[in-house]
PDB file of all heavy atoms in Angstrom:
ATOM      1  N   SER A   1      -1.749 -56.279  26.444  1.00  0.00           N
ATOM      2  CA  SER A   1      -3.048 -55.629  26.651  1.00  0.00           C
ATOM      3  C   SER A   1      -4.196 -56.624  26.633  1.00  0.00           C
ATOM      4  O   SER A   1      -5.273 -56.362  27.176  1.00  0.00           O
ATOM      5  CB  SER A   1      -3.278 -54.550  25.581  1.00  0.00           C
ATOM      6  OG  SER A   1      -3.553 -55.131  24.314  1.00  0.00           O
ATOM      7  N   LYS A   2      -3.970 -57.797  26.009  1.00  0.00           N
ATOM      8  CA  LYS A   2      -4.984 -58.843  25.936  1.00  0.00           C
ATOM      9  C   LYS A   2      -4.738 -59.957  26.952  1.00  0.00           C
ATOM     10  O   LYS A   2      -5.367 -61.014  26.889  1.00  0.00           O
ATOM     11  CB  LYS A   2      -5.004 -59.440  24.517  1.00  0.00           C
ATOM     12  CG  LYS A   2      -5.447 -58.468  23.424  1.00  0.00           C
ATOM     13  CD  LYS A   2      -5.370 -59.121  22.050  1.00  0.00           C
ATOM     14  CE  LYS A   2      -5.865 -58.195  20.951  1.00  0.00           C
ATOM     15  NZ  LYS A   2      -7.318 -57.940  21.055  1.00  0.00           N
ATOM     16  N   ASN A   3      -3.792 -59.720  27.885  1.00  0.00           N
ATOM     17  CA  ASN A   3      -3.455 -60.710  28.923  1.00  0.00           C
ATOM     18  C   ASN A   3      -2.972 -62.037  28.341  1.00  0.00           C
ATOM     19  O   ASN A   3      -3.230 -63.112  28.884  1.00  0.00           O
ATOM     20  CB  ASN A   3      -4.649 -60.956  29.855  1.00  0.00           C
ATOM     21  CG  ASN A   3      -5.031 -59.719  30.630  1.00  0.00           C
ATOM     22  OD1 ASN A   3      -4.170 -59.031  31.181  1.00  0.00           O
ATOM     23  ND2 ASN A   3      -6.328 -59.424  30.682  1.00  0.00           N
ATOM     24  N   ILE A   4      -2.267 -61.946  27.215  1.00  0.00           N
ATOM     25  CA  ILE A   4      -1.662 -63.126  26.596  1.00  0.00           C
ATOM     26  C   ILE A   4      -0.258 -63.298  27.163  1.00  0.00           C
ATOM     27  O   ILE A   4       0.498 -62.328  27.262  1.00  0.00           O
ATOM     28  CB  ILE A   4      -1.601 -62.954  25.065  1.00  0.00           C
ATOM     29  CG1 ILE A   4      -3.023 -62.894  24.485  1.00  0.00           C
ATOM     30  CG2 ILE A   4      -0.789 -64.062  24.416  1.00  0.00           C
ATOM     31  CD1 ILE A   4      -3.075 -62.411  23.042  1.00  0.00           C
ATOM     32  N   GLN A   5       0.100 -64.514  27.525  1.00  0.00           N
ATOM     33  CA  GLN A   5       1.429 -64.764  28.079  1.00  0.00           C
ATOM     34  C   GLN A   5       2.489 -64.631  26.989  1.00  0.00           C
ATOM     35  O   GLN A   5       2.380 -65.235  25.915  1.00  0.00           O
ATOM     36  CB  GLN A   5       1.509 -66.157  28.704  1.00  0.00           C
ATOM     37  CG  GLN A   5       2.851 -66.435  29.378  1.00  0.00           C
ATOM     38  CD  GLN A   5       2.904 -67.794  30.048  1.00  0.00           C
ATOM     39  OE1 GLN A   5       1.903 -68.506  30.137  1.00  0.00           O
ATOM     40  NE2 GLN A   5       4.084 -68.167  30.526  1.00  0.00           N
ATOM     41  N   VAL A   6       3.510 -63.834  27.270  1.00  0.00           N
ATOM     42  CA  VAL A   6       4.618 -63.619  26.347  1.00  0.00           C
ATOM     43  C   VAL A   6       5.835 -64.391  26.857  1.00  0.00           C
ATOM     44  O   VAL A   6       6.230 -64.233  28.011  1.00  0.00           O
ATOM     45  CB  VAL A   6       4.953 -62.121  26.231  1.00  0.00           C
ATOM     46  CG1 VAL A   6       6.167 -61.910  25.335  1.00  0.00           C
ATOM     47  CG2 VAL A   6       3.749 -61.339  25.703  1.00  0.00           C
ATOM     48  N   VAL A   7       6.410 -65.234  25.996  1.00  0.00           N
ATOM     49  CA  VAL A   7       7.518 -66.091  26.405  1.00  0.00           C
ATOM     50  C   VAL A   7       8.737 -65.823  25.516  1.00  0.00           C
ATOM     51  O   VAL A   7       8.748 -66.213  24.341  1.00  0.00           O
ATOM     52  CB  VAL A   7       7.144 -67.583  26.314  1.00  0.00           C
ATOM     53  CG1 VAL A   7       8.299 -68.450  26.812  1.00  0.00           C
ATOM     54  CG2 VAL A   7       5.871 -67.874  27.089  1.00  0.00           C
ATOM     55  N   PRO A   8       9.771 -65.142  26.028  1.00  0.00           N
ATOM     56  CA  PRO A   8      10.981 -64.918  25.217  1.00  0.00           C
ATOM     57  C   PRO A   8      11.875 -66.148  25.243  1.00  0.00           C
ATOM     58  O   PRO A   8      12.178 -66.688  26.314  1.00  0.00           O
ATOM     59  CB  PRO A   8      11.646 -63.733  25.922  1.00  0.00           C
ATOM     60  CG  PRO A   8      11.216 -63.855  27.358  1.00  0.00           C
ATOM     61  CD  PRO A   8       9.845 -64.483  27.348  1.00  0.00           C
ATOM     62  N   LEU A   9      12.296 -66.609  24.086  1.00  0.00           N
ATOM     63  CA  LEU A   9      13.221 -67.732  24.006  1.00  0.00           C
ATOM     64  C   LEU A   9      14.661 -67.215  23.977  1.00  0.00           C
ATOM     65  O   LEU A   9      14.930 -66.091  23.568  1.00  0.00           O
ATOM     66  CB  LEU A   9      12.946 -68.572  22.759  1.00  0.00           C
ATOM     67  CG  LEU A   9      11.561 -69.220  22.667  1.00  0.00           C
ATOM     68  CD1 LEU A   9      11.481 -70.110  21.415  1.00  0.00           C
ATOM     69  CD2 LEU A   9      11.233 -70.027  23.916  1.00  0.00           C
ATOM     70  N   ILE A  10      15.566 -68.071  24.400  1.00  0.00           N
ATOM     71  CA  ILE A  10      16.977 -67.708  24.469  1.00  0.00           C
ATOM     72  C   ILE A  10      17.615 -67.789  23.086  1.00  0.00           C
ATOM     73  O   ILE A  10      17.371 -68.729  22.328  1.00  0.00           O
ATOM     74  CB  ILE A  10      17.719 -68.648  25.440  1.00  0.00           C
ATOM     75  CG1 ILE A  10      17.177 -68.464  26.861  1.00  0.00           C
ATOM     76  CG2 ILE A  10      19.223 -68.395  25.408  1.00  0.00           C
ATOM     77  CD1 ILE A  10      17.672 -69.491  27.832  1.00  0.00           C
ATOM     78  N   GLY A  11      18.425 -66.789  22.780  1.00  0.00           N
ATOM     79  CA  GLY A  11      19.127 -66.795  21.501  1.00  0.00           C
ATOM     80  C   GLY A  11      20.068 -65.617  21.397  1.00  0.00           C
ATOM     81  O   GLY A  11      20.141 -64.780  22.301  1.00  0.00           O
ATOM     82  N   PRO A  12      20.801 -65.521  20.294  1.00  0.00           N
ATOM     83  CA  PRO A  12      21.844 -64.498  20.167  1.00  0.00           C
ATOM     84  C   PRO A  12      21.287 -63.091  19.930  1.00  0.00           C
ATOM     85  O   PRO A  12      20.351 -62.905  19.157  1.00  0.00           O
ATOM     86  CB  PRO A  12      22.643 -64.971  18.947  1.00  0.00           C
ATOM     87  CG  PRO A  12      21.642 -65.716  18.123  1.00  0.00           C
ATOM     88  CD  PRO A  12      20.722 -66.390  19.094  1.00  0.00           C
ATOM     89  N   SER A  13      21.873 -62.120  20.608  1.00  0.00           N
ATOM     90  CA  SER A  13      21.593 -60.708  20.367  1.00  0.00           C
ATOM     91  C   SER A  13      22.906 -60.038  19.996  1.00  0.00           C
ATOM     92  O   SER A  13      23.838 -60.009  20.805  1.00  0.00           O
ATOM     93  CB  SER A  13      21.008 -60.039  21.615  1.00  0.00           C
ATOM     94  OG  SER A  13      21.072 -58.634  21.514  1.00  0.00           O
ATOM     95  N   SER A  14      23.001 -59.510  18.795  1.00  0.00           N
ATOM     96  CA  SER A  14      24.259 -58.899  18.358  1.00  0.00           C
ATOM     97  C   SER A  14      24.634 -57.720  19.266  1.00  0.00           C
ATOM     98  O   SER A  14      25.825 -57.496  19.534  1.00  0.00           O
ATOM     99  CB  SER A  14      24.138 -58.413  16.907  1.00  0.00           C
ATOM    100  OG  SER A  14      23.111 -57.451  16.780  1.00  0.00           O
ATOM    101  N   LEU A  15      23.639 -56.997  19.747  1.00  0.00           N
ATOM    102  CA  LEU A  15      23.920 -55.821  20.585  1.00  0.00           C
ATOM    103  C   LEU A  15      24.542 -56.223  21.915  1.00  0.00           C
ATOM    104  O   LEU A  15      25.537 -55.635  22.356  1.00  0.00           O
ATOM    105  CB  LEU A  15      22.636 -55.025  20.819  1.00  0.00           C
ATOM    106  CG  LEU A  15      21.887 -54.598  19.560  1.00  0.00           C
ATOM    107  CD1 LEU A  15      20.622 -53.847  19.919  1.00  0.00           C
ATOM    108  CD2 LEU A  15      22.779 -53.759  18.660  1.00  0.00           C
ATOM    109  N   LEU A  16      23.966 -57.219  22.562  1.00  0.00           N
ATOM    110  CA  LEU A  16      24.503 -57.640  23.858  1.00  0.00           C
ATOM    111  C   LEU A  16      25.844 -58.347  23.705  1.00  0.00           C
ATOM    112  O   LEU A  16      26.750 -58.153  24.520  1.00  0.00           O
ATOM    113  CB  LEU A  16      23.501 -58.539  24.574  1.00  0.00           C
ATOM    114  CG  LEU A  16      22.238 -57.837  25.070  1.00  0.00           C
ATOM    115  CD1 LEU A  16      21.311 -58.823  25.763  1.00  0.00           C
ATOM    116  CD2 LEU A  16      22.576 -56.687  26.015  1.00  0.00           C
ATOM    117  N   LEU A  17      25.987 -59.159  22.666  1.00  0.00           N
ATOM    118  CA  LEU A  17      27.269 -59.823  22.439  1.00  0.00           C
ATOM    119  C   LEU A  17      28.368 -58.793  22.204  1.00  0.00           C
ATOM    120  O   LEU A  17      29.478 -58.906  22.731  1.00  0.00           O
ATOM    121  CB  LEU A  17      27.171 -60.772  21.244  1.00  0.00           C
ATOM    122  CG  LEU A  17      26.306 -62.020  21.439  1.00  0.00           C
ATOM    123  CD1 LEU A  17      26.149 -62.763  20.113  1.00  0.00           C
ATOM    124  CD2 LEU A  17      26.897 -62.936  22.499  1.00  0.00           C
ATOM    125  N   ALA A  18      28.049 -57.772  21.412  1.00  0.00           N
ATOM    126  CA  ALA A  18      29.032 -56.719  21.138  1.00  0.00           C
ATOM    127  C   ALA A  18      29.363 -55.948  22.410  1.00  0.00           C
ATOM    128  O   ALA A  18      30.532 -55.637  22.678  1.00  0.00           O
ATOM    129  CB  ALA A  18      28.503 -55.776  20.066  1.00  0.00           C
ATOM    130  N   LEU A  19      28.346 -55.628  23.197  1.00  0.00           N
ATOM    131  CA  LEU A  19      28.559 -54.849  24.418  1.00  0.00           C
ATOM    132  C   LEU A  19      29.452 -55.586  25.407  1.00  0.00           C
ATOM    133  O   LEU A  19      30.424 -55.015  25.933  1.00  0.00           O
ATOM    134  CB  LEU A  19      27.215 -54.513  25.061  1.00  0.00           C
ATOM    135  CG  LEU A  19      27.279 -53.772  26.404  1.00  0.00           C
ATOM    136  CD1 LEU A  19      27.982 -52.437  26.270  1.00  0.00           C
ATOM    137  CD2 LEU A  19      25.871 -53.591  26.971  1.00  0.00           C
ATOM    138  N   ILE A  20      29.150 -56.852  25.664  1.00  0.00           N
ATOM    139  CA  ILE A  20      29.924 -57.563  26.686  1.00  0.00           C
ATOM    140  C   ILE A  20      31.350 -57.849  26.226  1.00  0.00           C
ATOM    141  O   ILE A  20      32.249 -58.047  27.060  1.00  0.00           O
ATOM    142  CB  ILE A  20      29.227 -58.879  27.121  1.00  0.00           C
ATOM    143  CG1 ILE A  20      29.110 -59.858  25.954  1.00  0.00           C
ATOM    144  CG2 ILE A  20      27.861 -58.579  27.712  1.00  0.00           C
ATOM    145  CD1 ILE A  20      28.491 -61.198  26.349  1.00  0.00           C
ATOM    146  N   ALA A  21      31.565 -57.845  24.899  1.00  0.00           N
ATOM    147  CA  ALA A  21      32.910 -58.105  24.377  1.00  0.00           C
ATOM    148  C   ALA A  21      33.706 -56.821  24.134  1.00  0.00           C
ATOM    149  O   ALA A  21      34.879 -56.885  23.787  1.00  0.00           O
ATOM    150  CB  ALA A  21      32.820 -58.902  23.077  1.00  0.00           C
ATOM    151  N   SER A  22      33.075 -55.668  24.325  1.00  0.00           N
ATOM    152  CA  SER A  22      33.725 -54.397  23.988  1.00  0.00           C
ATOM    153  C   SER A  22      34.675 -53.894  25.064  1.00  0.00           C
ATOM    154  O   SER A  22      35.606 -53.137  24.781  1.00  0.00           O
ATOM    155  CB  SER A  22      32.663 -53.323  23.739  1.00  0.00           C
ATOM    156  OG  SER A  22      31.961 -53.022  24.945  1.00  0.00           O
ATOM    157  N   GLY A  23      34.419 -54.266  26.319  1.00  0.00           N
ATOM    158  CA  GLY A  23      35.181 -53.698  27.431  1.00  0.00           C
ATOM    159  C   GLY A  23      34.605 -52.374  27.896  1.00  0.00           C
ATOM    160  O   GLY A  23      35.204 -51.684  28.729  1.00  0.00           O
ATOM    161  N   PHE A  24      33.420 -52.003  27.394  1.00  0.00           N
ATOM    162  CA  PHE A  24      32.788 -50.730  27.736  1.00  0.00           C
ATOM    163  C   PHE A  24      31.804 -50.903  28.900  1.00  0.00           C
ATOM    164  O   PHE A  24      31.555 -52.018  29.362  1.00  0.00           O
ATOM    165  CB  PHE A  24      32.068 -50.151  26.521  1.00  0.00           C
ATOM    166  CG  PHE A  24      32.973 -49.766  25.389  1.00  0.00           C
ATOM    167  CD1 PHE A  24      32.455 -49.490  24.127  1.00  0.00           C
ATOM    168  CD2 PHE A  24      34.354 -49.682  25.552  1.00  0.00           C
ATOM    169  CE1 PHE A  24      33.274 -49.132  23.065  1.00  0.00           C
ATOM    170  CE2 PHE A  24      35.190 -49.315  24.498  1.00  0.00           C
ATOM    171  CZ  PHE A  24      34.644 -49.049  23.247  1.00  0.00           C
ATOM    172  N   ASN A  25      31.238 -49.788  29.333  1.00  0.00           N
ATOM    173  CA  ASN A  25      30.315 -49.780  30.465  1.00  0.00           C
ATOM    174  C   ASN A  25      29.051 -50.579  30.149  1.00  0.00           C
ATOM    175  O   ASN A  25      28.265 -50.207  29.280  1.00  0.00           O
ATOM    176  CB  ASN A  25      29.941 -48.332  30.810  1.00  0.00           C
ATOM    177  CG  ASN A  25      29.175 -48.209  32.112  1.00  0.00           C
ATOM    178  OD1 ASN A  25      28.703 -49.187  32.673  1.00  0.00           O
ATOM    179  ND2 ASN A  25      29.056 -46.992  32.610  1.00  0.00           N
ATOM    180  N   GLY A  26      28.835 -51.660  30.872  1.00  0.00           N
ATOM    181  CA  GLY A  26      27.661 -52.493  30.659  1.00  0.00           C
ATOM    182  C   GLY A  26      26.535 -52.196  31.628  1.00  0.00           C
ATOM    183  O   GLY A  26      25.496 -52.861  31.595  1.00  0.00           O
ATOM    184  N   GLN A  27      26.726 -51.203  32.507  1.00  0.00           N
ATOM    185  CA  GLN A  27      25.669 -50.828  33.454  1.00  0.00           C
ATOM    186  C   GLN A  27      24.911 -49.587  33.004  1.00  0.00           C
ATOM    187  O   GLN A  27      23.802 -49.331  33.474  1.00  0.00           O
ATOM    188  CB  GLN A  27      26.274 -50.568  34.829  1.00  0.00           C
ATOM    189  CG  GLN A  27      26.913 -51.801  35.448  1.00  0.00           C
ATOM    190  CD  GLN A  27      27.267 -51.584  36.894  1.00  0.00           C
ATOM    191  OE1 GLN A  27      26.406 -51.436  37.747  1.00  0.00           O
ATOM    192  NE2 GLN A  27      28.555 -51.543  37.181  1.00  0.00           N
ATOM    193  N   ASN A  28      25.496 -48.832  32.104  1.00  0.00           N
ATOM    194  CA  ASN A  28      24.855 -47.630  31.597  1.00  0.00           C
ATOM    195  C   ASN A  28      25.152 -47.527  30.108  1.00  0.00           C
ATOM    196  O   ASN A  28      26.266 -47.183  29.711  1.00  0.00           O
ATOM    197  CB  ASN A  28      25.374 -46.395  32.350  1.00  0.00           C
ATOM    198  CG  ASN A  28      24.646 -45.120  31.942  1.00  0.00           C
ATOM    199  OD1 ASN A  28      23.643 -45.158  31.214  1.00  0.00           O
ATOM    200  ND2 ASN A  28      25.141 -43.988  32.412  1.00  0.00           N
ATOM    201  N   PHE A  29      24.173 -47.874  29.296  1.00  0.00           N
ATOM    202  CA  PHE A  29      24.381 -47.856  27.844  1.00  0.00           C
ATOM    203  C   PHE A  29      23.081 -47.495  27.146  1.00  0.00           C
ATOM    204  O   PHE A  29      21.989 -47.617  27.716  1.00  0.00           O
ATOM    205  CB  PHE A  29      24.909 -49.210  27.346  1.00  0.00           C
ATOM    206  CG  PHE A  29      24.038 -50.389  27.687  1.00  0.00           C
ATOM    207  CD1 PHE A  29      23.031 -50.802  26.824  1.00  0.00           C
ATOM    208  CD2 PHE A  29      24.235 -51.092  28.870  1.00  0.00           C
ATOM    209  CE1 PHE A  29      22.231 -51.900  27.146  1.00  0.00           C
ATOM    210  CE2 PHE A  29      23.433 -52.183  29.198  1.00  0.00           C
ATOM    211  CZ  PHE A  29      22.433 -52.585  28.329  1.00  0.00           C
ATOM    212  N   ALA A  30      23.201 -47.039  25.906  1.00  0.00           N
ATOM    213  CA  ALA A  30      22.029 -46.666  25.113  1.00  0.00           C
ATOM    214  C   ALA A  30      22.188 -47.183  23.693  1.00  0.00           C
ATOM    215  O   ALA A  30      23.269 -47.077  23.104  1.00  0.00           O
ATOM    216  CB  ALA A  30      21.863 -45.150  25.099  1.00  0.00           C
ATOM    217  N   PHE A  31      21.103 -47.734  23.166  1.00  0.00           N
ATOM    218  CA  PHE A  31      21.096 -48.203  21.783  1.00  0.00           C
ATOM    219  C   PHE A  31      20.274 -47.225  20.945  1.00  0.00           C
ATOM    220  O   PHE A  31      19.132 -46.897  21.283  1.00  0.00           O
ATOM    221  CB  PHE A  31      20.496 -49.610  21.686  1.00  0.00           C
ATOM    222  CG  PHE A  31      20.295 -50.074  20.271  1.00  0.00           C
ATOM    223  CD1 PHE A  31      21.363 -50.133  19.388  1.00  0.00           C
ATOM    224  CD2 PHE A  31      19.037 -50.449  19.821  1.00  0.00           C
ATOM    225  CE1 PHE A  31      21.180 -50.549  18.078  1.00  0.00           C
ATOM    226  CE2 PHE A  31      18.851 -50.876  18.518  1.00  0.00           C
ATOM    227  CZ  PHE A  31      19.914 -50.928  17.642  1.00  0.00           C
ATOM    228  N   HIS A  32      20.846 -46.764  19.842  1.00  0.00           N
ATOM    229  CA  HIS A  32      20.222 -45.717  19.034  1.00  0.00           C
ATOM    230  C   HIS A  32      19.729 -46.202  17.674  1.00  0.00           C
ATOM    231  O   HIS A  32      19.270 -45.387  16.869  1.00  0.00           O
ATOM    232  CB  HIS A  32      21.220 -44.568  18.832  1.00  0.00           C
ATOM    233  CG  HIS A  32      21.692 -43.972  20.121  1.00  0.00           C
ATOM    234  ND1 HIS A  32      21.001 -42.997  20.798  1.00  0.00           N
ATOM    235  CD2 HIS A  32      22.783 -44.258  20.894  1.00  0.00           C
ATOM    236  CE1 HIS A  32      21.640 -42.686  21.915  1.00  0.00           C
ATOM    237  NE2 HIS A  32      22.722 -43.437  21.993  1.00  0.00           N
ATOM    238  N   GLY A  33      19.811 -47.493  17.423  1.00  0.00           N
ATOM    239  CA  GLY A  33      19.369 -47.982  16.119  1.00  0.00           C
ATOM    240  C   GLY A  33      20.253 -47.446  15.011  1.00  0.00           C
ATOM    241  O   GLY A  33      21.479 -47.401  15.131  1.00  0.00           O
TER     242      GLY A  33
END
């Protein structure tokens, strides 16, 4: 909202690592916390 540049750095995400290693649908998924 303040026009500040946001830069995401690369690093581990437990959710994505779990998803890609699960053998489940990686094109349609939902995270519920």
